[in-house]
Amino acid sequence: MSEPQSPAAAATPRNEWPLWEVFVRSKAGLDHKHCGSLHAPDSAMAIQLARDVYTRRQEGTSVWVVRSEHIVASDPGDKDMYFDPMEDKVYRHPSFYKLPDSVDHM
C-alpha cells in the first residue's frame, strides 16, 4: 500500500526529484544563509548533495535543507501591510537610552 501524497508532491512529475532550498552556517553563532537550491529524492540525500555542492571548501559548520514546497513567504506587493506600520512605533528603536560601557559592544 502506498503512502498518500501531498498536493504539491502529486503535482511534481514522477521523473523529477523534489526541489530543496539549502542554507549554510559559515561559523558557529552566525545565521544560516540561503545558498541555493537542488533536487534530491529525500532529506538525507539533500543534505549530502548540499554538503558536496555548497561546502566544497569546508566553509560551513552546519547545513539545513528544506523542501521548497514547505516554505511560505510574504508577497513583496504586501510590503506596506507588513513593514510600514513599524515606522510610527519609534519606541521600538533603541535610541532613547544610553548603554553602559560594560555592554557597549551590543
PDB file of N, CA and C in Angstrom:
ATOM      1  N   MET A   1       0.841  -1.183   0.000  1.00  0.00           N
ATOM      2  CA  MET A   1       0.000   0.000   0.000  1.00  0.00           C
ATOM      3  C   MET A   1       0.880   1.238   0.000  1.00  0.00           C
ATOM      4  N   SER A   2       0.593   2.205  -0.850  1.00  0.00           N
ATOM      5  CA  SER A   2       1.432   3.398  -0.956  1.00  0.00           C
ATOM      6  C   SER A   2       0.945   4.492  -0.017  1.00  0.00           C
ATOM      7  N   GLU A   3       1.898   5.362   0.358  1.00  0.00           N
ATOM      8  CA  GLU A   3       1.588   6.490   1.234  1.00  0.00           C
ATOM      9  C   GLU A   3       0.834   7.556   0.459  1.00  0.00           C
ATOM     10  N   PRO A   4      -0.117   8.264   1.100  1.00  0.00           N
ATOM     11  CA  PRO A   4      -0.799   9.354   0.404  1.00  0.00           C
ATOM     12  C   PRO A   4       0.189  10.496   0.150  1.00  0.00           C
ATOM     13  N   GLN A   5       0.041  11.170  -0.971  1.00  0.00           N
ATOM     14  CA  GLN A   5       0.935  12.259  -1.322  1.00  0.00           C
ATOM     15  C   GLN A   5       0.290  13.599  -1.029  1.00  0.00           C
ATOM     16  N   SER A   6       1.146  14.584  -0.702  1.00  0.00           N
ATOM     17  CA  SER A   6       0.650  15.945  -0.547  1.00  0.00           C
ATOM     18  C   SER A   6       0.280  16.475  -1.928  1.00  0.00           C
ATOM     19  N   PRO A   7      -0.570  17.515  -2.016  1.00  0.00           N
ATOM     20  CA  PRO A   7      -0.941  18.060  -3.325  1.00  0.00           C
ATOM     21  C   PRO A   7       0.281  18.517  -4.118  1.00  0.00           C
ATOM     22  N   ALA A   8       1.272  19.117  -3.447  1.00  0.00           N
ATOM     23  CA  ALA A   8       2.474  19.582  -4.157  1.00  0.00           C
ATOM     24  C   ALA A   8       3.275  18.400  -4.678  1.00  0.00           C
ATOM     25  N   ALA A   9       3.351  17.324  -3.890  1.00  0.00           N
ATOM     26  CA  ALA A   9       4.091  16.142  -4.326  1.00  0.00           C
ATOM     27  C   ALA A   9       3.370  15.474  -5.491  1.00  0.00           C
ATOM     28  N   ALA A  10       2.050  15.482  -5.461  1.00  0.00           N
ATOM     29  CA  ALA A  10       1.284  14.890  -6.548  1.00  0.00           C
ATOM     30  C   ALA A  10       1.469  15.688  -7.839  1.00  0.00           C
ATOM     31  N   ALA A  11       1.721  17.009  -7.717  1.00  0.00           N
ATOM     32  CA  ALA A  11       1.902  17.853  -8.895  1.00  0.00           C
ATOM     33  C   ALA A  11       3.301  17.717  -9.483  1.00  0.00           C
ATOM     34  N   THR A  12       4.272  17.187  -8.702  1.00  0.00           N
ATOM     35  CA  THR A  12       5.629  17.002  -9.186  1.00  0.00           C
ATOM     36  C   THR A  12       5.662  15.802 -10.120  1.00  0.00           C
ATOM     37  N   PRO A  13       6.215  15.970 -11.312  1.00  0.00           N
ATOM     38  CA  PRO A  13       6.313  14.818 -12.215  1.00  0.00           C
ATOM     39  C   PRO A  13       7.107  13.693 -11.560  1.00  0.00           C
ATOM     40  N   ARG A  14       6.718  12.465 -11.803  1.00  0.00           N
ATOM     41  CA  ARG A  14       7.365  11.311 -11.168  1.00  0.00           C
ATOM     42  C   ARG A  14       8.832  11.177 -11.559  1.00  0.00           C
ATOM     43  N   ASN A  15       9.246  11.733 -12.678  1.00  0.00           N
ATOM     44  CA  ASN A  15      10.632  11.602 -13.104  1.00  0.00           C
ATOM     45  C   ASN A  15      11.514  12.738 -12.579  1.00  0.00           C
ATOM     46  N   GLU A  16      10.972  13.626 -11.762  1.00  0.00           N
ATOM     47  CA  GLU A  16      11.748  14.740 -11.225  1.00  0.00           C
ATOM     48  C   GLU A  16      11.744  14.700  -9.701  1.00  0.00           C
ATOM     49  N   TRP A  17      12.919  14.782  -9.105  1.00  0.00           N
ATOM     50  CA  TRP A  17      13.020  14.807  -7.647  1.00  0.00           C
ATOM     51  C   TRP A  17      12.529  16.141  -7.119  1.00  0.00           C
ATOM     52  N   PRO A  18      12.074  16.169  -5.864  1.00  0.00           N
ATOM     53  CA  PRO A  18      11.610  17.425  -5.269  1.00  0.00           C
ATOM     54  C   PRO A  18      12.744  18.450  -5.155  1.00  0.00           C
ATOM     55  N   LEU A  19      12.367  19.715  -5.145  1.00  0.00           N
ATOM     56  CA  LEU A  19      13.314  20.815  -5.010  1.00  0.00           C
ATOM     57  C   LEU A  19      13.528  21.130  -3.530  1.00  0.00           C
ATOM     58  N   TRP A  20      14.785  21.301  -3.143  1.00  0.00           N
ATOM     59  CA  TRP A  20      15.171  21.614  -1.764  1.00  0.00           C
ATOM     60  C   TRP A  20      15.920  22.938  -1.742  1.00  0.00           C
ATOM     61  N   GLU A  21      15.662  23.764  -0.733  1.00  0.00           N
ATOM     62  CA  GLU A  21      16.407  25.007  -0.519  1.00  0.00           C
ATOM     63  C   GLU A  21      17.513  24.710   0.484  1.00  0.00           C
ATOM     64  N   VAL A  22      18.698  25.246   0.242  1.00  0.00           N
ATOM     65  CA  VAL A  22      19.872  24.948   1.055  1.00  0.00           C
ATOM     66  C   VAL A  22      20.309  26.193   1.821  1.00  0.00           C
ATOM     67  N   PHE A  23      20.535  26.018   3.117  1.00  0.00           N
ATOM     68  CA  PHE A  23      21.015  27.082   3.995  1.00  0.00           C
ATOM     69  C   PHE A  23      22.281  26.592   4.682  1.00  0.00           C
ATOM     70  N   VAL A  24      23.323  27.425   4.693  1.00  0.00           N
ATOM     71  CA  VAL A  24      24.605  27.046   5.288  1.00  0.00           C
ATOM     72  C   VAL A  24      25.001  28.075   6.339  1.00  0.00           C
ATOM     73  N   ARG A  25      25.480  27.586   7.476  1.00  0.00           N
ATOM     74  CA  ARG A  25      26.037  28.453   8.519  1.00  0.00           C
ATOM     75  C   ARG A  25      27.552  28.397   8.361  1.00  0.00           C
ATOM     76  N   SER A  26      28.176  29.540   8.119  1.00  0.00           N
ATOM     77  CA  SER A  26      29.611  29.547   7.851  1.00  0.00           C
ATOM     78  C   SER A  26      30.447  29.394   9.120  1.00  0.00           C
ATOM     79  N   LYS A  27      29.983  29.959  10.231  1.00  0.00           N
ATOM     80  CA  LYS A  27      30.700  29.853  11.508  1.00  0.00           C
ATOM     81  C   LYS A  27      29.687  29.688  12.630  1.00  0.00           C
ATOM     82  N   ALA A  28      30.111  29.052  13.702  1.00  0.00           N
ATOM     83  CA  ALA A  28      29.232  28.880  14.863  1.00  0.00           C
ATOM     84  C   ALA A  28      28.794  30.250  15.373  1.00  0.00           C
ATOM     85  N   GLY A  29      27.527  30.385  15.695  1.00  0.00           N
ATOM     86  CA  GLY A  29      26.999  31.642  16.211  1.00  0.00           C
ATOM     87  C   GLY A  29      26.431  32.560  15.148  1.00  0.00           C
ATOM     88  N   LEU A  30      26.732  32.314  13.877  1.00  0.00           N
ATOM     89  CA  LEU A  30      26.192  33.144  12.799  1.00  0.00           C
ATOM     90  C   LEU A  30      24.889  32.544  12.280  1.00  0.00           C
ATOM     91  N   ASP A  31      24.176  33.330  11.502  1.00  0.00           N
ATOM     92  CA  ASP A  31      22.925  32.870  10.906  1.00  0.00           C
ATOM     93  C   ASP A  31      23.190  31.913   9.756  1.00  0.00           C
ATOM     94  N   HIS A  32      22.222  31.050   9.494  1.00  0.00           N
ATOM     95  CA  HIS A  32      22.256  30.245   8.277  1.00  0.00           C
ATOM     96  C   HIS A  32      21.877  31.170   7.124  1.00  0.00           C
ATOM     97  N   LYS A  33      22.578  31.079   6.019  1.00  0.00           N
ATOM     98  CA  LYS A  33      22.304  31.897   4.834  1.00  0.00           C
ATOM     99  C   LYS A  33      21.868  30.994   3.684  1.00  0.00           C
ATOM    100  N   HIS A  34      20.896  31.479   2.928  1.00  0.00           N
ATOM    101  CA  HIS A  34      20.422  30.714   1.779  1.00  0.00           C
ATOM    102  C   HIS A  34      21.514  30.703   0.720  1.00  0.00           C
ATOM    103  N   CYS A  35      21.878  29.510   0.264  1.00  0.00           N
ATOM    104  CA  CYS A  35      22.950  29.351  -0.725  1.00  0.00           C
ATOM    105  C   CYS A  35      22.422  29.014  -2.106  1.00  0.00           C
ATOM    106  N   GLY A  36      21.302  28.336  -2.154  1.00  0.00           N
ATOM    107  CA  GLY A  36      20.765  27.919  -3.446  1.00  0.00           C
ATOM    108  C   GLY A  36      19.787  26.781  -3.296  1.00  0.00           C
ATOM    109  N   SER A  37      19.544  26.107  -4.392  1.00  0.00           N
ATOM    110  CA  SER A  37      18.553  25.029  -4.439  1.00  0.00           C
ATOM    111  C   SER A  37      19.154  23.815  -5.124  1.00  0.00           C
ATOM    112  N   LEU A  38      18.551  22.667  -4.866  1.00  0.00           N
ATOM    113  CA  LEU A  38      18.954  21.438  -5.543  1.00  0.00           C
ATOM    114  C   LEU A  38      17.806  20.456  -5.528  1.00  0.00           C
ATOM    115  N   HIS A  39      17.877  19.482  -6.404  1.00  0.00           N
ATOM    116  CA  HIS A  39      16.879  18.415  -6.459  1.00  0.00           C
ATOM    117  C   HIS A  39      17.455  17.177  -5.796  1.00  0.00           C
ATOM    118  N   ALA A  40      16.652  16.512  -4.947  1.00  0.00           N
ATOM    119  CA  ALA A  40      17.073  15.280  -4.272  1.00  0.00           C
ATOM    120  C   ALA A  40      15.831  14.453  -3.953  1.00  0.00           C
ATOM    121  N   PRO A  41      15.988  13.130  -3.860  1.00  0.00           N
ATOM    122  CA  PRO A  41      14.827  12.272  -3.606  1.00  0.00           C
ATOM    123  C   PRO A  41      14.332  12.322  -2.166  1.00  0.00           C
ATOM    124  N   ASP A  42      15.237  12.616  -1.206  1.00  0.00           N
ATOM    125  CA  ASP A  42      14.837  12.644   0.201  1.00  0.00           C
ATOM    126  C   ASP A  42      15.775  13.567   0.984  1.00  0.00           C
ATOM    127  N   SER A  43      15.483  13.756   2.263  1.00  0.00           N
ATOM    128  CA  SER A  43      16.249  14.709   3.077  1.00  0.00           C
ATOM    129  C   SER A  43      17.693  14.274   3.284  1.00  0.00           C
ATOM    130  N   ALA A  44      17.935  12.981   3.452  1.00  0.00           N
ATOM    131  CA  ALA A  44      19.307  12.509   3.656  1.00  0.00           C
ATOM    132  C   ALA A  44      20.168  12.787   2.427  1.00  0.00           C
ATOM    133  N   MET A  45      19.627  12.513   1.255  1.00  0.00           N
ATOM    134  CA  MET A  45      20.376  12.773   0.030  1.00  0.00           C
ATOM    135  C   MET A  45      20.520  14.277  -0.194  1.00  0.00           C
ATOM    136  N   ALA A  46      19.502  15.045   0.178  1.00  0.00           N
ATOM    137  CA  ALA A  46      19.578  16.505   0.024  1.00  0.00           C
ATOM    138  C   ALA A  46      20.714  17.077   0.876  1.00  0.00           C
ATOM    139  N   ILE A  47      20.872  16.578   2.111  1.00  0.00           N
ATOM    140  CA  ILE A  47      21.975  17.034   2.974  1.00  0.00           C
ATOM    141  C   ILE A  47      23.314  16.673   2.342  1.00  0.00           C
ATOM    142  N   GLN A  48      23.438  15.460   1.845  1.00  0.00           N
ATOM    143  CA  GLN A  48      24.708  15.038   1.232  1.00  0.00           C
ATOM    144  C   GLN A  48      25.034  15.872  -0.003  1.00  0.00           C
ATOM    145  N   LEU A  49      24.048  16.066  -0.858  1.00  0.00           N
ATOM    146  CA  LEU A  49      24.276  16.864  -2.060  1.00  0.00           C
ATOM    147  C   LEU A  49      24.583  18.314  -1.708  1.00  0.00           C
ATOM    148  N   ALA A  50      23.881  18.861  -0.716  1.00  0.00           N
ATOM    149  CA  ALA A  50      24.131  20.243  -0.290  1.00  0.00           C
ATOM    150  C   ALA A  50      25.558  20.391   0.229  1.00  0.00           C
ATOM    151  N   ARG A  51      25.994  19.418   1.002  1.00  0.00           N
ATOM    152  CA  ARG A  51      27.372  19.446   1.513  1.00  0.00           C
ATOM    153  C   ARG A  51      28.362  19.423   0.351  1.00  0.00           C
ATOM    154  N   ASP A  52      28.125  18.537  -0.608  1.00  0.00           N
ATOM    155  CA  ASP A  52      29.037  18.403  -1.745  1.00  0.00           C
ATOM    156  C   ASP A  52      29.059  19.642  -2.634  1.00  0.00           C
ATOM    157  N   VAL A  53      27.893  20.241  -2.840  1.00  0.00           N
ATOM    158  CA  VAL A  53      27.794  21.363  -3.773  1.00  0.00           C
ATOM    159  C   VAL A  53      28.139  22.704  -3.125  1.00  0.00           C
ATOM    160  N   TYR A  54      27.673  22.931  -1.904  1.00  0.00           N
ATOM    161  CA  TYR A  54      27.770  24.265  -1.308  1.00  0.00           C
ATOM    162  C   TYR A  54      28.844  24.418  -0.233  1.00  0.00           C
ATOM    163  N   THR A  55      29.489  23.334   0.184  1.00  0.00           N
ATOM    164  CA  THR A  55      30.549  23.460   1.202  1.00  0.00           C
ATOM    165  C   THR A  55      31.788  22.679   0.773  1.00  0.00           C
ATOM    166  N   ARG A  56      32.148  22.779  -0.486  1.00  0.00           N
ATOM    167  CA  ARG A  56      33.282  22.021  -1.016  1.00  0.00           C
ATOM    168  C   ARG A  56      34.606  22.408  -0.371  1.00  0.00           C
ATOM    169  N   ARG A  57      34.726  23.635   0.087  1.00  0.00           N
ATOM    170  CA  ARG A  57      35.987  24.097   0.666  1.00  0.00           C
ATOM    171  C   ARG A  57      35.915  24.167   2.187  1.00  0.00           C
ATOM    172  N   GLN A  58      35.050  23.379   2.765  1.00  0.00           N
ATOM    173  CA  GLN A  58      34.871  23.289   4.219  1.00  0.00           C
ATOM    174  C   GLN A  58      34.545  24.644   4.853  1.00  0.00           C
ATOM    175  N   GLU A  59      33.763  25.465   4.140  1.00  0.00           N
ATOM    176  CA  GLU A  59      33.423  26.774   4.678  1.00  0.00           C
ATOM    177  C   GLU A  59      32.183  26.763   5.563  1.00  0.00           C
ATOM    178  N   GLY A  60      31.569  25.619   5.781  1.00  0.00           N
ATOM    179  CA  GLY A  60      30.364  25.572   6.591  1.00  0.00           C
ATOM    180  C   GLY A  60      30.537  24.775   7.866  1.00  0.00           C
ATOM    181  N   THR A  61      29.698  25.096   8.853  1.00  0.00           N
ATOM    182  CA  THR A  61      29.670  24.318  10.088  1.00  0.00           C
ATOM    183  C   THR A  61      28.333  23.604  10.258  1.00  0.00           C
ATOM    184  N   SER A  62      27.327  24.030   9.494  1.00  0.00           N
ATOM    185  CA  SER A  62      26.006  23.439   9.599  1.00  0.00           C
ATOM    186  C   SER A  62      25.266  23.650   8.282  1.00  0.00           C
ATOM    187  N   VAL A  63      24.489  22.649   7.876  1.00  0.00           N
ATOM    188  CA  VAL A  63      23.701  22.734   6.648  1.00  0.00           C
ATOM    189  C   VAL A  63      22.251  22.413   6.977  1.00  0.00           C
ATOM    190  N   TRP A  64      21.344  23.234   6.492  1.00  0.00           N
ATOM    191  CA  TRP A  64      19.911  22.964   6.576  1.00  0.00           C
ATOM    192  C   TRP A  64      19.388  22.763   5.164  1.00  0.00           C
ATOM    193  N   VAL A  65      18.467  21.838   4.998  1.00  0.00           N
ATOM    194  CA  VAL A  65      17.737  21.696   3.737  1.00  0.00           C
ATOM    195  C   VAL A  65      16.243  21.684   4.064  1.00  0.00           C
ATOM    196  N   VAL A  66      15.477  22.380   3.245  1.00  0.00           N
ATOM    197  CA  VAL A  66      14.027  22.479   3.435  1.00  0.00           C
ATOM    198  C   VAL A  66      13.381  22.295   2.072  1.00  0.00           C
ATOM    199  N   ARG A  67      12.379  21.426   2.016  1.00  0.00           N
ATOM    200  CA  ARG A  67      11.671  21.271   0.742  1.00  0.00           C
ATOM    201  C   ARG A  67      11.027  22.599   0.374  1.00  0.00           C
ATOM    202  N   SER A  68      11.238  23.013  -0.845  1.00  0.00           N
ATOM    203  CA  SER A  68      10.744  24.310  -1.311  1.00  0.00           C
ATOM    204  C   SER A  68       9.244  24.457  -1.120  1.00  0.00           C
ATOM    205  N   GLU A  69       8.521  23.368  -1.277  1.00  0.00           N
ATOM    206  CA  GLU A  69       7.058  23.432  -1.151  1.00  0.00           C
ATOM    207  C   GLU A  69       6.607  23.752   0.271  1.00  0.00           C
ATOM    208  N   HIS A  70       7.498  23.628   1.257  1.00  0.00           N
ATOM    209  CA  HIS A  70       7.140  23.906   2.648  1.00  0.00           C
ATOM    210  C   HIS A  70       7.477  25.328   3.087  1.00  0.00           C
ATOM    211  N   ILE A  71       8.091  26.115   2.223  1.00  0.00           N
ATOM    212  CA  ILE A  71       8.441  27.492   2.562  1.00  0.00           C
ATOM    213  C   ILE A  71       7.270  28.396   2.207  1.00  0.00           C
ATOM    214  N   VAL A  72       6.885  29.221   3.158  1.00  0.00           N
ATOM    215  CA  VAL A  72       5.807  30.183   2.951  1.00  0.00           C
ATOM    216  C   VAL A  72       6.419  31.569   3.090  1.00  0.00           C
ATOM    217  N   ALA A  73       6.151  32.437   2.142  1.00  0.00           N
ATOM    218  CA  ALA A  73       6.742  33.777   2.154  1.00  0.00           C
ATOM    219  C   ALA A  73       5.672  34.827   1.917  1.00  0.00           C
ATOM    220  N   SER A  74       5.932  36.020   2.401  1.00  0.00           N
ATOM    221  CA  SER A  74       5.018  37.128   2.138  1.00  0.00           C
ATOM    222  C   SER A  74       5.199  37.589   0.697  1.00  0.00           C
ATOM    223  N   ASP A  75       4.202  38.216   0.169  1.00  0.00           N
ATOM    224  CA  ASP A  75       4.245  38.759  -1.187  1.00  0.00           C
ATOM    225  C   ASP A  75       4.903  40.134  -1.135  1.00  0.00           C
ATOM    226  N   PRO A  76       5.902  40.403  -1.974  1.00  0.00           N
ATOM    227  CA  PRO A  76       6.529  41.730  -1.958  1.00  0.00           C
ATOM    228  C   PRO A  76       5.529  42.863  -2.174  1.00  0.00           C
ATOM    229  N   GLY A  77       4.433  42.574  -2.847  1.00  0.00           N
ATOM    230  CA  GLY A  77       3.395  43.580  -3.045  1.00  0.00           C
ATOM    231  C   GLY A  77       2.685  43.963  -1.754  1.00  0.00           C
ATOM    232  N   ASP A  78       2.791  43.125  -0.722  1.00  0.00           N
ATOM    233  CA  ASP A  78       2.168  43.399   0.574  1.00  0.00           C
ATOM    234  C   ASP A  78       3.144  44.039   1.555  1.00  0.00           C
ATOM    235  N   LYS A  79       4.257  44.571   1.049  1.00  0.00           N
ATOM    236  CA  LYS A  79       5.297  45.144   1.901  1.00  0.00           C
ATOM    237  C   LYS A  79       4.732  46.195   2.864  1.00  0.00           C
ATOM    238  N   ASP A  80       3.883  47.097   2.360  1.00  0.00           N
ATOM    239  CA  ASP A  80       3.337  48.157   3.210  1.00  0.00           C
ATOM    240  C   ASP A  80       2.566  47.581   4.387  1.00  0.00           C
ATOM    241  N   MET A  81       1.791  46.554   4.129  1.00  0.00           N
ATOM    242  CA  MET A  81       0.973  45.963   5.187  1.00  0.00           C
ATOM    243  C   MET A  81       1.843  45.350   6.288  1.00  0.00           C
ATOM    244  N   TYR A  82       2.965  44.738   5.903  1.00  0.00           N
ATOM    245  CA  TYR A  82       3.802  44.059   6.886  1.00  0.00           C
ATOM    246  C   TYR A  82       4.827  44.966   7.561  1.00  0.00           C
ATOM    247  N   PHE A  83       5.383  45.926   6.839  1.00  0.00           N
ATOM    248  CA  PHE A  83       6.542  46.632   7.358  1.00  0.00           C
ATOM    249  C   PHE A  83       6.349  48.118   7.615  1.00  0.00           C
ATOM    250  N   ASP A  84       5.493  48.795   6.896  1.00  0.00           N
ATOM    251  CA  ASP A  84       5.312  50.228   7.118  1.00  0.00           C
ATOM    252  C   ASP A  84       4.719  50.584   8.479  1.00  0.00           C
ATOM    253  N   PRO A  85       3.848  49.780   9.063  1.00  0.00           N
ATOM    254  CA  PRO A  85       3.306  50.158  10.374  1.00  0.00           C
ATOM    255  C   PRO A  85       4.374  50.323  11.458  1.00  0.00           C
ATOM    256  N   MET A  86       5.571  49.774  11.253  1.00  0.00           N
ATOM    257  CA  MET A  86       6.631  49.871  12.257  1.00  0.00           C
ATOM    258  C   MET A  86       7.232  51.270  12.326  1.00  0.00           C
ATOM    259  N   GLU A  87       7.126  52.042  11.265  1.00  0.00           N
ATOM    260  CA  GLU A  87       7.726  53.374  11.231  1.00  0.00           C
ATOM    261  C   GLU A  87       7.143  54.306  12.295  1.00  0.00           C
ATOM    262  N   ASP A  88       5.872  54.137  12.649  1.00  0.00           N
ATOM    263  CA  ASP A  88       5.264  55.041  13.624  1.00  0.00           C
ATOM    264  C   ASP A  88       5.431  54.551  15.063  1.00  0.00           C
ATOM    265  N   LYS A  89       6.202  53.515  15.278  1.00  0.00           N
ATOM    266  CA  LYS A  89       6.424  52.985  16.623  1.00  0.00           C
ATOM    267  C   LYS A  89       7.881  53.217  17.009  1.00  0.00           C
ATOM    268  N   VAL A  90       8.239  54.486  17.181  1.00  0.00           N
ATOM    269  CA  VAL A  90       9.631  54.842  17.460  1.00  0.00           C
ATOM    270  C   VAL A  90      10.115  54.267  18.787  1.00  0.00           C
ATOM    271  N   TYR A  91       9.196  53.960  19.681  1.00  0.00           N
ATOM    272  CA  TYR A  91       9.594  53.397  20.970  1.00  0.00           C
ATOM    273  C   TYR A  91      10.227  52.023  20.811  1.00  0.00           C
ATOM    274  N   ARG A  92      10.089  51.403  19.651  1.00  0.00           N
ATOM    275  CA  ARG A  92      10.714  50.107  19.414  1.00  0.00           C
ATOM    276  C   ARG A  92      12.181  50.229  19.005  1.00  0.00           C
ATOM    277  N   HIS A  93      12.610  51.413  18.662  1.00  0.00           N
ATOM    278  CA  HIS A  93      14.003  51.637  18.282  1.00  0.00           C
ATOM    279  C   HIS A  93      14.820  51.955  19.530  1.00  0.00           C
ATOM    280  N   PRO A  94      15.978  51.327  19.698  1.00  0.00           N
ATOM    281  CA  PRO A  94      16.766  51.527  20.917  1.00  0.00           C
ATOM    282  C   PRO A  94      17.562  52.828  20.882  1.00  0.00           C
ATOM    283  N   SER A  95      16.861  53.944  20.748  1.00  0.00           N
ATOM    284  CA  SER A  95      17.565  55.223  20.659  1.00  0.00           C
ATOM    285  C   SER A  95      17.231  56.152  21.818  1.00  0.00           C
ATOM    286  N   PHE A  96      16.505  55.675  22.802  1.00  0.00           N
ATOM    287  CA  PHE A  96      16.069  56.528  23.888  1.00  0.00           C
ATOM    288  C   PHE A  96      16.849  56.311  25.179  1.00  0.00           C
ATOM    289  N   TYR A  97      17.929  55.526  25.116  1.00  0.00           N
ATOM    290  CA  TYR A  97      18.740  55.315  26.312  1.00  0.00           C
ATOM    291  C   TYR A  97      20.175  55.059  25.905  1.00  0.00           C
ATOM    292  N   LYS A  98      21.076  55.259  26.846  1.00  0.00           N
ATOM    293  CA  LYS A  98      22.494  55.039  26.597  1.00  0.00           C
ATOM    294  C   LYS A  98      22.898  53.724  27.253  1.00  0.00           C
ATOM    295  N   LEU A  99      23.619  52.908  26.504  1.00  0.00           N
ATOM    296  CA  LEU A  99      24.107  51.648  27.050  1.00  0.00           C
ATOM    297  C   LEU A  99      25.267  51.902  27.997  1.00  0.00           C
ATOM    298  N   PRO A 100      25.335  51.158  29.083  1.00  0.00           N
ATOM    299  CA  PRO A 100      26.507  51.266  29.962  1.00  0.00           C
ATOM    300  C   PRO A 100      27.758  50.810  29.211  1.00  0.00           C
ATOM    301  N   ASP A 101      28.912  51.324  29.604  1.00  0.00           N
ATOM    302  CA  ASP A 101      30.169  50.971  28.934  1.00  0.00           C
ATOM    303  C   ASP A 101      30.431  49.471  28.965  1.00  0.00           C
ATOM    304  N   SER A 102      29.964  48.784  29.992  1.00  0.00           N
ATOM    305  CA  SER A 102      30.228  47.353  30.111  1.00  0.00           C
ATOM    306  C   SER A 102      29.509  46.521  29.041  1.00  0.00           C
ATOM    307  N   VAL A 103      28.464  47.063  28.430  1.00  0.00           N
ATOM    308  CA  VAL A 103      27.742  46.345  27.384  1.00  0.00           C
ATOM    309  C   VAL A 103      27.723  47.153  26.077  1.00  0.00           C
ATOM    310  N   ASP A 104      28.681  47.998  25.897  1.00  0.00           N
ATOM    311  CA  ASP A 104      28.683  48.874  24.729  1.00  0.00           C
ATOM    312  C   ASP A 104      28.969  48.141  23.420  1.00  0.00           C
ATOM    313  N   HIS A 105      29.341  46.875  23.484  1.00  0.00           N
ATOM    314  CA  HIS A 105      29.600  46.107  22.277  1.00  0.00           C
ATOM    315  C   HIS A 105      28.350  45.653  21.553  1.00  0.00           C
ATOM    316  N   MET A 106      27.197  45.901  22.111  1.00  0.00           N
ATOM    317  CA  MET A 106      25.940  45.424  21.506  1.00  0.00           C
ATOM    318  C   MET A 106      25.547  46.247  20.306  1.00  0.00           C
TER     319      MET A 106
END
